[in-house]
Amino acid sequence: MILDLQPAIDGLRMLKSDLEAYYWDQPMHGSRREQIGYCIRQLSDRAGALESIVFAKGTVRVRVGDLAAEESRALAAATAMLDMWMTEGEPFERTLQIVADALASADRIGLRAAGGTPDLGLALVLRT
């Protein structure tokens, strides 16, 4: 299976951006802002972790080894999760659930990608 990390990185960045806007809509003082700030940091950390895999592998496309069908489906679902965004006015509890799902998805993708090998097939096609 080939994982393209760029959509996951972009998805984390977009969700972080949505949360930054959500942050400013919250009351100036209160625990919600602190929770949202924590979520923003966690999303930023996950995007940075995926970027470090890209730098280490030298490509955004990583080939992961033989996966059970269940894990392949879980990776596909994780990738789809990071293609979601928050809508304006999202309830706070739903926002936290979206972030928790995104973090779990980023971790699943990152753990598999870190153990994968660079997929240079695209680079070879571009050179010929």
Protein backbone atom coordinates (compact mmCIF):
# COMPACT_ATOMS: atom_id res chain seq x y z
CA MET A 1 0.00 0.00 0.00
CA ILE A 2 1.22 3.50 -0.81
CA LEU A 3 0.53 6.32 1.64
CA ASP A 4 0.60 9.87 0.31
CA LEU A 5 1.39 12.00 3.34
CA GLN A 6 0.71 15.39 1.73
CA PRO A 7 -3.10 15.20 2.00
CA ALA A 8 -2.80 14.21 5.66
CA ILE A 9 -0.44 17.12 6.37
CA ASP A 10 -2.73 19.52 4.52
CA GLY A 11 -5.77 18.19 6.38
CA LEU A 12 -4.11 18.72 9.75
CA ARG A 13 -3.13 22.25 8.77
CA MET A 14 -6.67 23.06 7.62
CA LEU A 15 -8.20 21.71 10.81
CA LYS A 16 -5.68 23.72 12.83
CA SER A 17 -6.70 26.83 10.88
CA ASP A 18 -10.38 26.10 11.56
CA LEU A 19 -9.59 25.75 15.25
CA GLU A 20 -7.69 29.03 15.32
CA ALA A 21 -10.80 30.80 14.03
CA TYR A 22 -12.94 28.85 16.53
CA TYR A 23 -10.59 29.90 19.33
CA TRP A 24 -11.33 33.60 18.79
CA ASP A 25 -15.08 32.96 18.87
CA GLN A 26 -14.85 31.70 22.45
CA PRO A 27 -15.15 33.86 25.58
CA MET A 28 -11.87 35.59 26.46
CA HIS A 29 -11.54 33.78 29.79
CA GLY A 30 -12.43 30.19 30.24
CA SER A 31 -11.38 26.60 29.93
CA ARG A 32 -12.66 26.23 26.37
CA ARG A 33 -9.95 28.51 25.02
CA GLU A 34 -7.34 26.52 26.93
CA GLN A 35 -8.69 23.25 25.53
CA ILE A 36 -8.76 24.63 22.00
CA GLY A 37 -5.23 25.97 22.42
CA TYR A 38 -4.12 22.51 23.48
CA CYS A 39 -5.82 20.99 20.44
CA ILE A 40 -4.11 23.49 18.14
CA ARG A 41 -0.70 22.53 19.56
CA GLN A 42 -1.43 18.82 19.18
CA LEU A 43 -2.50 19.21 15.55
CA SER A 44 0.60 21.27 14.84
CA ASP A 45 2.78 18.59 16.44
CA ARG A 46 1.18 15.84 14.35
CA ALA A 47 1.64 17.82 11.13
CA GLY A 48 5.27 18.39 12.09
CA ALA A 49 5.75 14.69 12.80
CA LEU A 50 4.40 13.75 9.36
CA GLU A 51 6.60 16.42 7.75
CA SER A 52 9.64 14.93 9.49
CA ILE A 53 8.80 11.55 7.92
CA VAL A 54 8.63 13.25 4.51
CA PHE A 55 12.05 14.80 5.06
CA ALA A 56 13.53 11.52 6.29
CA LYS A 57 12.11 9.51 3.40
CA GLY A 58 12.74 12.18 0.78
CA THR A 59 9.22 11.89 -0.63
CA VAL A 60 5.59 12.38 0.40
CA ARG A 61 4.76 8.90 -0.93
CA VAL A 62 5.67 6.00 1.34
CA ARG A 63 5.19 2.32 0.65
CA VAL A 64 4.07 0.39 3.70
CA GLY A 65 4.57 -3.36 3.99
CA ASP A 66 2.06 -6.13 3.82
CA LEU A 67 -0.99 -5.06 5.75
CA ALA A 68 -3.95 -7.07 6.84
CA ALA A 69 -7.17 -6.06 5.11
CA GLU A 70 -8.45 -4.60 8.37
CA GLU A 71 -5.41 -2.33 8.74
CA SER A 72 -5.65 -1.25 5.10
CA ARG A 73 -9.27 -0.22 5.71
CA ALA A 74 -8.29 1.58 8.93
CA LEU A 75 -5.59 3.53 7.07
CA ALA A 76 -8.05 4.46 4.33
CA ALA A 77 -10.52 5.65 6.97
CA ALA A 78 -7.77 7.63 8.73
CA THR A 79 -6.87 9.32 5.45
CA ALA A 80 -10.53 10.16 4.81
CA MET A 81 -10.88 11.56 8.35
CA LEU A 82 -8.11 14.06 7.70
CA ASP A 83 -9.98 15.30 4.64
CA MET A 84 -12.78 16.66 6.85
CA TRP A 85 -13.18 20.14 8.24
CA MET A 86 -15.15 21.86 10.95
CA THR A 87 -18.20 23.87 10.05
CA GLU A 88 -18.77 27.28 11.55
CA GLY A 89 -20.77 27.08 14.76
CA GLU A 90 -19.83 23.47 15.45
CA PRO A 91 -20.82 22.49 19.02
CA PHE A 92 -17.86 22.39 21.38
CA GLU A 93 -18.14 18.67 22.21
CA ARG A 94 -18.31 17.81 18.51
CA THR A 95 -15.22 19.96 17.92
CA LEU A 96 -13.30 18.00 20.54
CA GLN A 97 -14.41 14.71 18.98
CA ILE A 98 -13.29 15.84 15.51
CA VAL A 99 -9.87 16.76 16.89
CA ALA A 100 -9.54 13.48 18.82
CA ASP A 101 -10.40 11.54 15.65
CA ALA A 102 -7.93 13.59 13.60
CA LEU A 103 -5.14 13.03 16.11
CA ALA A 104 -5.78 9.28 16.18
CA SER A 105 -5.83 9.23 12.38
CA ALA A 106 -2.57 11.16 12.14
CA ASP A 107 -0.96 8.77 14.62
CA ARG A 108 -2.10 5.70 12.67
CA ILE A 109 -0.80 7.14 9.40
CA GLY A 110 2.45 8.34 10.95
CA LEU A 111 3.23 5.07 12.69
CA ARG A 112 2.82 3.12 9.47
CA ALA A 113 4.60 5.70 7.30
CA ALA A 114 7.59 5.87 9.66
CA GLY A 115 8.18 2.16 9.11
CA GLY A 116 7.64 2.37 5.37
CA THR A 117 10.03 2.84 2.49
CA PRO A 118 10.15 5.74 0.05
CA ASP A 119 8.03 5.22 -3.03
CA LEU A 120 10.14 6.71 -5.78
CA GLY A 121 8.02 5.37 -8.62
CA LEU A 122 6.60 8.83 -9.30
CA ALA A 123 10.07 10.36 -9.39
CA LEU A 124 11.21 7.75 -11.91
CA VAL A 125 8.24 8.47 -14.16
CA LEU A 126 8.98 12.20 -14.09
CA ARG A 127 12.59 11.65 -15.14
CA THR A 128 11.86 9.57 -18.23
